[in-house]
Protein backbone atom coordinates (compact mmCIF):
# COMPACT_ATOMS: atom_id res chain seq x y z
CA MET A 1 -90.99 -7.45 -58.64
CA ARG A 2 -87.65 -5.67 -57.93
CA TYR A 3 -88.13 -4.34 -61.65
CA MET A 4 -91.30 -2.93 -60.89
CA ILE A 5 -90.05 -1.30 -57.73
CA LEU A 6 -87.21 0.22 -59.74
CA ILE A 7 -89.73 1.55 -62.23
CA MET A 8 -91.84 3.22 -59.33
CA LEU A 9 -88.75 4.86 -57.91
CA VAL A 10 -87.87 6.07 -61.24
CA CYS A 11 -91.21 7.45 -61.75
CA LEU A 12 -91.49 9.17 -58.25
CA SER A 13 -88.03 10.83 -59.04
CA LEU A 14 -89.12 12.09 -62.36
CA SER A 15 -92.21 13.53 -60.61
CA ALA A 16 -90.26 15.17 -58.10
CA GLN A 17 -87.96 17.04 -60.84
CA GLN A 18 -90.90 18.30 -62.48
CA LYS A 19 -91.89 20.33 -59.71
CA TYR A 20 -90.43 23.48 -58.44
CA LYS A 21 -90.51 23.96 -54.67
CA PHE A 22 -91.43 27.14 -53.38
CA GLY A 23 -90.40 28.17 -49.81
CA VAL A 24 -92.11 30.77 -47.81
CA PHE A 25 -90.61 31.71 -44.27
CA PRO A 26 -93.25 31.09 -41.41
CA HIS A 27 -94.08 34.49 -40.66
CA MET A 28 -97.80 33.89 -39.99
CA PRO A 29 -99.52 30.55 -38.84
CA LEU A 30 -99.24 28.15 -41.47
CA GLU A 31 -103.09 27.89 -42.53
CA LYS A 32 -102.97 31.70 -43.11
CA LEU A 33 -99.69 31.41 -44.98
CA HIS A 34 -100.98 28.77 -47.24
CA ASP A 35 -104.29 30.83 -47.72
CA VAL A 36 -101.87 33.76 -48.96
CA PHE A 37 -99.30 31.95 -50.71
CA ASP A 38 -100.87 28.80 -52.49
CA PRO A 39 -102.29 31.41 -55.25
CA VAL A 40 -98.85 32.79 -55.40
CA ALA A 41 -97.39 29.27 -56.34
CA LYS A 42 -100.08 28.79 -58.85
CA ASP A 43 -99.47 32.11 -60.51
CA LEU A 44 -95.81 31.45 -60.59
CA ALA A 45 -96.35 28.24 -62.32
CA LYS A 46 -98.14 29.80 -65.41
CA ASP A 47 -95.13 30.67 -67.38
CA VAL A 48 -92.72 28.02 -66.47
CA LYS A 49 -95.21 25.09 -67.36
CA ARG A 50 -94.32 23.21 -64.48
CA PRO A 51 -96.14 22.76 -61.02
CA VAL A 52 -94.80 24.95 -58.02
CA VAL A 53 -95.52 23.33 -54.89
CA LEU A 54 -95.55 25.68 -51.69
CA MET A 55 -93.54 24.37 -48.76
CA THR A 56 -92.57 25.87 -45.37
CA LYS A 57 -91.96 24.97 -41.81
CA PRO A 58 -93.75 25.83 -38.48
CA TYR A 59 -90.53 27.37 -37.02
CA TYR A 60 -87.92 29.75 -38.46
CA LYS A 61 -84.94 27.72 -37.65
CA MET A 62 -86.35 24.64 -39.27
CA TYR A 63 -87.14 26.77 -42.59
CA LYS A 64 -83.66 28.34 -42.47
CA ASP A 65 -82.03 25.03 -42.21
CA GLU A 66 -83.89 23.69 -45.22
CA LEU A 67 -83.27 26.89 -47.33
CA ASN A 68 -79.44 26.97 -46.42
CA ALA A 69 -79.45 23.03 -47.47
CA GLY A 70 -80.75 24.13 -50.62
CA LEU A 71 -84.30 22.40 -50.54
CA TYR A 72 -86.00 25.46 -52.25
CA ASP A 73 -85.74 26.14 -56.15
CA ILE A 74 -87.58 29.61 -55.17
CA ALA A 75 -88.12 31.07 -51.86
CA LEU A 76 -89.52 34.06 -50.10
CA ILE A 77 -87.13 34.96 -47.32
CA GLN A 78 -86.36 37.55 -44.62
CA PRO A 79 -83.34 39.79 -45.44
CA PHE A 80 -80.91 38.29 -42.70
CA ASP A 81 -81.57 34.76 -44.10
CA TYR A 82 -80.41 35.91 -47.51
CA LEU A 83 -76.66 36.52 -46.51
CA GLN A 84 -76.38 33.10 -45.41
CA ALA A 85 -78.33 31.56 -48.12
CA ARG A 86 -76.34 33.56 -50.63
CA LYS A 87 -73.14 32.34 -49.03
CA GLU A 88 -74.09 28.56 -48.56
CA GLN A 89 -75.95 27.95 -51.70
CA GLY A 90 -75.53 30.90 -54.12
CA TYR A 91 -79.21 31.85 -53.92
CA ILE A 92 -80.07 34.68 -56.60
CA PRO A 93 -82.00 37.79 -55.56
CA ILE A 94 -84.94 38.45 -57.96
CA ALA A 95 -87.50 40.85 -56.41
CA ARG A 96 -87.91 42.54 -52.97
CA ARG A 97 -90.77 44.13 -51.33
CA ALA A 98 -91.00 47.79 -52.71
CA LYS A 99 -90.58 49.39 -49.46
CA GLY A 100 -88.03 49.21 -46.71
CA LEU A 101 -88.41 46.89 -43.66
CA ARG A 102 -88.86 48.61 -40.24
CA ALA A 103 -89.32 47.00 -37.03
CA ILE A 104 -92.13 48.34 -34.81
CA LEU A 105 -92.84 48.14 -30.91
CA VAL A 106 -96.74 48.19 -30.47
CA VAL A 107 -98.88 48.23 -27.29
CA SER A 108 -102.38 48.26 -26.63
CA LYS A 109 -104.13 51.63 -27.37
CA GLY A 110 -105.86 52.03 -23.93
CA SER A 111 -102.48 51.43 -22.11
CA ASP A 112 -100.40 53.94 -20.58
CA TYR A 113 -97.39 52.93 -22.48
CA TYR A 114 -95.89 55.74 -24.70
CA ASN A 115 -92.12 55.33 -24.77
CA ILE A 116 -89.67 52.41 -24.57
CA SER A 117 -88.82 53.64 -20.87
CA ASP A 118 -92.59 53.05 -20.09
CA ILE A 119 -92.22 49.40 -20.62
CA LYS A 120 -88.66 48.92 -18.87
CA ASP A 121 -88.59 45.75 -16.61
CA ARG A 122 -91.88 44.42 -18.19
CA ILE A 123 -92.67 41.46 -20.42
CA ILE A 124 -92.26 42.33 -24.14
CA ALA A 125 -93.57 39.78 -26.67
CA SER A 126 -91.70 39.29 -30.14
CA ALA A 127 -91.56 37.49 -33.16
CA PRO A 128 -89.18 34.73 -33.25
CA ALA A 129 -85.62 35.34 -32.23
CA GLU A 130 -84.47 34.64 -35.58
CA ALA A 131 -86.76 37.34 -37.36
CA ALA A 132 -85.34 40.39 -38.83
CA VAL A 133 -87.62 42.59 -36.86
CA THR A 134 -86.53 41.06 -33.60
CA GLN A 135 -82.80 41.72 -34.31
CA MET A 136 -83.50 45.30 -35.47
CA MET A 137 -85.44 46.22 -32.37
CA LEU A 138 -82.79 44.80 -29.98
CA VAL A 139 -80.27 46.80 -31.70
CA ALA A 140 -82.33 49.80 -31.52
CA PHE A 141 -82.66 49.12 -27.95
CA LYS A 142 -79.05 49.27 -27.32
CA GLN A 143 -78.65 52.25 -29.38
CA GLN A 144 -81.11 53.93 -26.97
CA GLY A 145 -78.97 53.11 -24.07
CA TYR A 146 -81.12 50.03 -22.84
CA ARG A 147 -79.72 46.47 -22.40
CA PRO A 148 -82.24 44.22 -23.99
CA LEU A 149 -81.95 41.10 -21.92
CA ASP A 150 -81.50 42.85 -18.63
CA ASP A 151 -83.89 45.77 -18.85
CA PHE A 152 -86.70 43.71 -20.58
CA THR A 153 -88.17 40.24 -20.39
CA ILE A 154 -88.43 39.10 -23.98
CA SER A 155 -91.08 36.48 -24.57
CA TYR A 156 -90.40 35.19 -27.96
CA SER A 157 -93.05 33.82 -30.17
CA LYS A 158 -93.79 31.37 -33.15
CA ASN A 159 -94.96 34.02 -35.49
CA HIS A 160 -96.04 37.55 -35.65
CA PHE A 161 -99.53 36.67 -34.80
CA VAL A 162 -98.78 34.84 -31.82
CA CYS A 163 -96.73 37.90 -30.59
CA LEU A 164 -99.62 40.04 -31.14
CA GLN A 165 -102.26 37.86 -29.41
CA LYS A 166 -100.04 37.95 -26.43
CA VAL A 167 -100.59 41.77 -26.06
CA VAL A 168 -104.27 41.22 -26.69
CA ASN A 169 -104.26 38.59 -24.03
CA ALA A 170 -102.55 40.59 -21.55
CA LYS A 171 -99.42 38.25 -21.49
CA ALA A 172 -97.16 41.06 -22.73
CA VAL A 173 -97.22 44.81 -22.56
CA ALA A 174 -95.75 45.22 -26.16
CA CYS A 175 -95.10 43.15 -29.33
CA ILE A 176 -92.24 43.65 -31.50
CA THR A 177 -93.39 43.06 -34.99
CA ALA A 178 -93.74 44.53 -38.89
CA ARG A 179 -96.22 46.70 -40.05
CA ARG A 180 -97.61 44.30 -42.65
CA ALA A 181 -97.99 41.66 -39.97
CA LEU A 182 -99.89 44.10 -37.85
CA LYS A 183 -102.06 45.23 -40.71
CA TYR A 184 -102.84 41.53 -41.78
CA PHE A 185 -103.38 40.53 -37.96
CA ASN A 186 -105.96 43.45 -37.54
CA LYS A 187 -107.88 42.59 -40.95
CA GLU A 188 -108.17 38.91 -39.82
CA LYS A 189 -109.36 39.72 -36.21
CA GLY A 190 -111.43 42.61 -37.25
CA MET A 191 -109.75 44.85 -34.65
CA ASP A 192 -107.40 48.01 -34.34
CA THR A 193 -106.51 47.85 -30.91
CA PHE A 194 -102.74 48.72 -31.21
CA ARG A 195 -100.60 51.69 -30.87
CA THR A 196 -97.04 52.04 -32.27
CA ILE A 197 -94.56 53.65 -29.71
CA TYR A 198 -91.19 53.16 -31.37
CA THR A 199 -90.31 52.40 -35.24
CA THR A 200 -86.59 51.54 -36.20
CA GLN A 201 -84.70 52.68 -39.08
CA LYS A 202 -85.16 50.73 -42.42
CA LEU A 203 -83.47 47.92 -44.03
CA PRO A 204 -84.10 46.29 -47.54
CA HIS A 205 -87.13 44.10 -47.04
CA ALA A 206 -87.93 40.46 -47.52
CA LEU A 207 -87.10 39.20 -50.96
CA PHE A 208 -87.75 36.20 -53.50
CA VAL A 209 -84.74 34.16 -54.18
CA VAL A 210 -83.88 31.67 -56.78
CA HIS A 211 -81.56 28.48 -56.68
CA PRO A 212 -78.72 28.56 -59.14
CA ARG A 213 -79.61 25.23 -60.44
CA VAL A 214 -82.91 26.95 -61.90
CA PRO A 215 -82.21 27.57 -65.54
CA LYS A 216 -81.68 31.62 -66.01
CA GLU A 217 -84.76 31.52 -68.61
CA ILE A 218 -87.15 30.13 -65.75
CA ARG A 219 -85.65 32.47 -63.20
CA GLU A 220 -86.37 35.52 -65.28
CA GLN A 221 -90.11 34.06 -65.88
CA PHE A 222 -90.38 33.89 -62.14
CA GLN A 223 -89.22 37.46 -61.88
CA ASN A 224 -91.24 38.93 -64.32
CA ARG A 225 -94.41 37.47 -62.96
CA ILE A 226 -93.49 38.88 -59.37
CA ILE A 227 -92.52 42.31 -60.32
CA ASN A 228 -95.55 42.77 -62.64
CA TRP A 229 -98.35 41.75 -59.91
CA SER A 230 -99.24 45.28 -59.36
CA GLU A 231 -99.67 45.79 -63.18
CA ASN A 232 -102.61 43.56 -63.82
CA ALA A 233 -105.82 42.49 -62.24
CA GLU A 234 -104.87 38.75 -61.19
CA GLY A 235 -101.59 40.12 -59.60
CA ARG A 236 -103.28 42.88 -57.45
CA GLU A 237 -105.85 40.36 -56.46
CA ILE A 238 -102.76 38.17 -55.08
CA LEU A 239 -101.20 41.19 -53.42
CA ASP A 240 -104.57 42.22 -51.83
CA LYS A 241 -105.30 39.01 -50.52
CA GLY A 242 -102.34 38.72 -48.29
CA ASN A 243 -102.06 42.50 -47.69
CA LEU A 244 -98.38 42.24 -49.67
CA LEU A 245 -96.64 44.95 -50.59
CA ASN A 246 -95.76 45.15 -54.59
CA PHE A 247 -92.39 43.78 -55.42
CA VAL A 248 -89.57 45.43 -57.51
CA GLU A 249 -86.09 43.78 -59.27
CA THR A 250 -83.36 43.71 -56.80
CA ASN A 251 -79.67 42.47 -56.71
CA ASP A 252 -76.96 41.57 -54.20
CA ALA A 253 -75.59 44.89 -53.70
CA GLU A 254 -78.85 46.23 -52.37
CA TYR A 255 -78.37 43.94 -49.31
CA ASP A 256 -74.92 45.52 -48.40
CA LYS A 257 -77.16 47.72 -46.12
CA VAL A 258 -77.77 44.35 -44.25
CA ARG A 259 -74.23 43.31 -44.10
CA GLU A 260 -73.31 46.74 -42.60
CA PHE A 261 -76.29 46.27 -39.85
CA ILE A 262 -74.97 42.78 -39.12
CA LYS A 263 -71.65 44.40 -38.13
CA THR A 264 -73.52 46.85 -35.51
CA LYS A 265 -74.82 43.67 -33.66
CA GLU A 266 -71.36 41.88 -33.34
């Protein structure tokens, strides 16, 4: 009996080793996230001849903790999380979204809010506190002469969709989010009811990273598939399905801009 149990444990261990764990930060509801990124996982598995399993968590902090513990072999992460993941686990950047990331502040089109000053002393919804766009907008508020936690009531949300829904439901006058999240939300809901009243400066966007335990050959195969999505029909279908930007090759030095930004927060 003990011998049989040992064999089963060994088999389970080998099975786990034969899969690459693919993490995606929870920037949208989990159902939508799987809808968009399950096809990505299947595509990534084609060259490496091994299953790639999508994994995530319902909250940013939970995902970040698993990332920094080295759970994921390959992961799509936000730029601020990259710095610690690099420090803690040595994650290697392989591809980033082609355009820069900007945080936007949106309100309902029919509202009377046109400037940051118009929403002072009101409730502003936001993506999670840990989200890059949240941190970017709070710094922007300070640069505009506001004290974010004194001049506004910030209602943090589980993800971007929840943030935008708060404005739709009149539970907040504005939402701090990102352009791609807004575009995907509008497509899913069949609406176009938002107006952008402020846009921050840009930083390097979300990126794919690979854990250093993954062999270089496999890392390069992942990278080649990702940066070539825009060059073939199957890849373009993946990008279109999730309203994703195309990805380009990246390196650690490009995220020095994020390191400099972090210093402005301190």
